[in-house]
Protein backbone atom coordinates (compact mmCIF):
# COMPACT_ATOMS: atom_id res chain seq x y z
CA MET A 1 0.00 0.00 0.00
CA GLU A 2 2.99 2.22 -0.64
CA ASN A 3 2.38 5.82 -1.65
CA LYS A 4 -1.38 5.63 -1.06
CA VAL A 5 -3.44 7.75 1.31
CA LYS A 6 -6.56 6.19 2.84
CA LEU A 7 -9.70 8.34 2.64
CA LYS A 8 -13.06 8.38 4.37
CA ILE A 9 -16.42 9.82 3.31
CA VAL A 10 -17.27 12.92 5.35
CA GLY A 11 -20.44 14.27 3.78
CA ILE A 12 -22.24 15.78 0.81
CA SER A 13 -22.92 19.45 0.21
CA TYR A 14 -24.78 21.29 -2.55
CA SER A 15 -22.19 22.57 -5.04
CA GLN A 16 -21.91 26.35 -5.24
CA ILE A 17 -19.78 26.01 -8.38
CA GLN A 18 -22.05 23.89 -10.62
CA THR A 19 -25.84 24.20 -10.71
CA GLY A 20 -27.59 20.89 -10.03
CA ALA A 21 -24.39 19.25 -8.79
CA TYR A 22 -23.15 18.28 -5.36
CA ALA A 23 -19.77 18.26 -3.62
CA LEU A 24 -18.80 14.94 -2.10
CA ILE A 25 -16.34 15.61 0.73
CA LEU A 26 -13.63 13.00 1.36
CA ALA A 27 -10.96 13.33 4.05
CA GLU A 28 -7.64 11.75 4.91
CA GLU A 29 -8.26 9.01 7.47
CA ASP A 30 -5.19 10.05 9.46
CA GLY A 31 -4.81 13.68 8.46
CA GLN A 32 -6.48 17.05 8.25
CA TYR A 33 -6.98 17.44 4.50
CA HIS A 34 -10.38 17.18 2.80
CA ILE A 35 -11.06 16.72 -0.91
CA PRO A 36 -14.27 18.04 -2.50
CA ILE A 37 -15.41 16.09 -5.57
CA VAL A 38 -18.21 17.49 -7.76
CA ILE A 39 -20.76 14.75 -8.49
CA GLY A 40 -24.20 14.54 -10.07
CA ALA A 41 -27.52 14.49 -8.23
CA THR A 42 -28.16 10.77 -8.89
CA GLU A 43 -24.81 9.67 -7.45
CA ALA A 44 -25.17 12.13 -4.54
CA GLN A 45 -28.56 10.62 -3.70
CA SER A 46 -27.15 7.09 -3.93
CA ILE A 47 -24.27 7.91 -1.55
CA ALA A 48 -26.51 9.91 0.83
CA LEU A 49 -28.99 7.01 1.11
CA LYS A 50 -26.22 4.73 2.37
CA MET A 51 -24.70 7.40 4.65
CA GLU A 52 -28.10 7.82 6.31
CA HIS A 53 -28.76 4.02 6.36
CA ILE A 54 -31.90 4.32 4.21
CA ASN A 55 -32.88 1.20 2.27
CA MET A 56 -34.88 1.59 -0.92
CA PRO A 57 -37.77 -0.83 -1.58
CA ARG A 58 -36.16 -1.75 -4.94
CA PRO A 59 -32.43 -1.86 -5.71
CA ILE A 60 -30.91 1.16 -7.44
CA THR A 61 -28.03 0.78 -9.92
CA HIS A 62 -25.22 0.72 -7.34
CA ASP A 63 -27.11 -1.84 -5.21
CA LEU A 64 -27.58 -3.96 -8.33
CA ILE A 65 -23.83 -3.89 -9.12
CA VAL A 66 -23.07 -5.06 -5.56
CA SER A 67 -25.70 -7.84 -5.81
CA ILE A 68 -24.27 -9.08 -9.13
CA SER A 69 -20.72 -9.06 -7.71
CA ASN A 70 -21.83 -11.01 -4.64
CA ALA A 71 -23.81 -13.53 -6.71
CA PHE A 72 -20.70 -14.34 -8.79
CA GLY A 73 -18.33 -14.37 -5.80
CA ILE A 74 -16.46 -11.25 -6.89
CA LYS A 75 -15.26 -8.92 -4.14
CA LEU A 76 -14.40 -5.24 -4.49
CA THR A 77 -11.12 -4.90 -2.60
CA GLU A 78 -10.13 -1.28 -3.29
CA VAL A 79 -11.18 2.02 -4.83
CA PHE A 80 -8.20 4.08 -5.98
CA ILE A 81 -8.50 7.72 -7.04
CA TYR A 82 -5.34 7.75 -9.13
CA LYS A 83 -5.47 10.99 -11.16
CA PHE A 84 -6.72 14.58 -10.90
CA GLU A 85 -6.64 16.54 -14.15
CA ASP A 86 -8.55 19.67 -15.26
CA GLY A 87 -10.78 19.44 -12.19
CA ILE A 88 -11.74 15.80 -12.86
CA PHE A 89 -10.87 12.86 -10.59
CA PHE A 90 -10.11 9.50 -12.21
CA SER A 91 -10.70 6.26 -10.30
CA GLU A 92 -10.37 2.54 -10.66
CA LEU A 93 -12.02 -0.41 -8.93
CA THR A 94 -10.01 -3.50 -8.00
CA PHE A 95 -12.08 -6.71 -7.97
CA ASP A 96 -10.95 -10.16 -6.76
CA ASP A 97 -12.65 -13.48 -7.50
CA GLY A 98 -10.24 -15.57 -5.44
CA ASN A 99 -8.07 -16.47 -8.44
CA ARG A 100 -7.30 -13.15 -10.07
CA GLN A 101 -7.54 -9.42 -9.58
CA ILE A 102 -9.18 -7.23 -12.19
CA VAL A 103 -8.87 -3.43 -12.30
CA ILE A 104 -11.73 -1.51 -13.94
CA ASP A 105 -11.86 2.21 -14.75
CA SER A 106 -14.75 4.06 -13.10
CA ARG A 107 -16.20 7.49 -12.51
CA THR A 108 -15.20 8.48 -8.98
CA SER A 109 -18.81 9.08 -7.90
CA ASP A 110 -19.85 5.56 -8.98
CA ALA A 111 -16.76 4.01 -7.38
CA ILE A 112 -17.54 5.65 -4.05
CA ALA A 113 -21.26 4.78 -4.25
CA ILE A 114 -20.24 1.12 -4.62
CA ALA A 115 -17.48 1.35 -1.98
CA ILE A 116 -19.86 2.70 0.68
CA ARG A 117 -22.15 -0.30 0.08
CA THR A 118 -19.34 -2.86 0.36
CA LYS A 119 -17.32 -1.09 3.09
CA THR A 120 -14.37 -1.09 0.69
CA PRO A 121 -11.36 1.14 1.47
CA ILE A 122 -10.84 4.25 -0.67
CA TYR A 123 -7.34 5.51 -1.48
CA THR A 124 -5.67 8.32 -3.36
CA THR A 125 -2.13 9.61 -3.87
CA PRO A 126 -0.21 12.21 -1.82
CA GLU A 127 0.06 14.24 -5.06
CA ILE A 128 -3.74 14.48 -5.35
CA ILE A 129 -3.97 15.50 -1.68
CA ASP A 130 -1.44 18.27 -2.43
CA LYS A 131 -3.30 19.42 -5.56
CA ALA A 132 -6.92 19.22 -4.38
CA GLY A 133 -6.79 19.02 -0.58
CA PHE A 134 -8.25 21.61 1.78
CA ILE A 135 -8.25 22.06 5.54
CA LEU A 136 -11.71 22.41 7.06
CA GLU A 137 -11.86 25.45 9.33
CA ALA A 138 -14.69 26.82 11.49
CA THR A 139 -16.16 30.05 10.10
CA GLY A 140 -19.40 31.15 11.64
CA GLU A 141 -22.79 29.85 12.60
CA ASN A 142 -23.31 26.20 11.60
CA SER A 143 -20.75 26.30 8.79
CA TYR A 144 -17.16 25.48 7.99
CA SER A 145 -15.03 26.61 5.10
CA LEU A 146 -12.68 24.71 2.88
CA ASP A 147 -9.57 26.83 3.03
CA LYS A 148 -6.57 26.56 0.75
CA LYS A 149 -3.98 29.09 -0.36
CA ASN A 150 -4.86 31.09 -3.48
CA THR A 151 -8.49 29.92 -3.55
CA SER A 152 -11.76 31.42 -2.43
CA LYS A 153 -13.48 29.92 0.60
CA LYS A 154 -16.43 27.61 0.02
CA GLU A 155 -19.00 27.14 2.79
CA ILE A 156 -19.94 23.64 3.99
CA LYS A 157 -23.13 23.35 6.05
CA LEU A 158 -22.76 21.21 9.17
CA GLU A 159 -26.14 19.57 8.46
CA ASN A 160 -24.61 17.97 5.35
CA LEU A 161 -21.80 16.20 7.22
CA ALA A 162 -22.01 12.60 8.47
CA ILE A 163 -22.77 12.01 12.16
CA GLU A 164 -19.31 10.43 12.68
CA GLU A 165 -17.58 13.57 11.39
CA LEU A 166 -19.86 15.83 13.44
CA GLU A 167 -19.03 13.85 16.60
CA LYS A 168 -15.30 14.32 15.95
CA MET A 169 -15.84 18.07 15.53
CA LEU A 170 -17.93 18.12 18.71
CA ASN A 171 -15.12 16.48 20.70
CA LYS A 172 -12.56 18.88 19.21
CA HIS A 173 -14.63 21.95 20.23
CA ILE A 174 -15.14 20.51 23.73
CA ASP A 175 -11.38 19.93 24.08
CA LEU A 176 -10.79 23.55 23.00
CA GLU A 177 -13.50 24.68 25.48
CA GLU A 178 -15.52 26.18 22.60
CA TYR A 179 -18.80 25.20 24.20
CA GLU A 180 -21.10 27.41 22.12
CA LYS A 181 -19.93 25.80 18.86
CA ALA A 182 -20.04 22.36 20.55
CA ALA A 183 -23.68 22.95 21.56
CA GLU A 184 -24.61 23.86 17.95
CA ILE A 185 -22.96 20.70 16.63
CA ASN A 186 -24.56 18.55 19.35
CA LYS A 187 -28.00 19.90 18.41
CA ILE A 188 -27.45 18.94 14.74
CA ILE A 189 -26.26 15.44 15.75
CA LYS A 190 -29.43 14.91 17.82
CA GLN A 191 -31.64 16.12 14.94
CA LYS A 192 -29.89 13.77 12.48
CA LYS A 193 -30.24 10.80 14.85
CA LEU A 194 -33.96 11.54 15.38
CA SER A 195 -34.58 11.72 11.63
CA LYS A 196 -33.14 8.23 11.01
């Protein structure tokens, strides 16, 4: 696993750059950098359904892909975001059937929608973290900004982040004795848990 950085899914936010698109926020598992990936509404909905543990009455496309893989004994072992060029992320899926490994090119949004369903690890390169990574910083009421040198700040609403990420932020604000911000985050966590 040399020269690969493990990522986790943090949340989804409405894209302020592209109308009708969403920003999928990934983060280093053991670091402070976040990567926003612009994805379409269909893929955003597919990922959000799994993040919120909502099961559809009929399988959607990404569920179907997972079902077919399972039926034929093929396991997704890794999602690798290997290239970032002209604002587009390129990914590949590594499948294993027990005898051989097969690598298939994929849109990053589809790769992540499948990975979240199979609990498959997601990786990228340190170079992509350097090119596209941001540090999430507190700004004002119920929002954070993605801050990077030479770029404008983009707001991320706390309500769009996953409960796990919100709980980490809550603990950080408590440790820093920032109780007002911690109370806001705690309120959002409770609302999200009640809506499940």
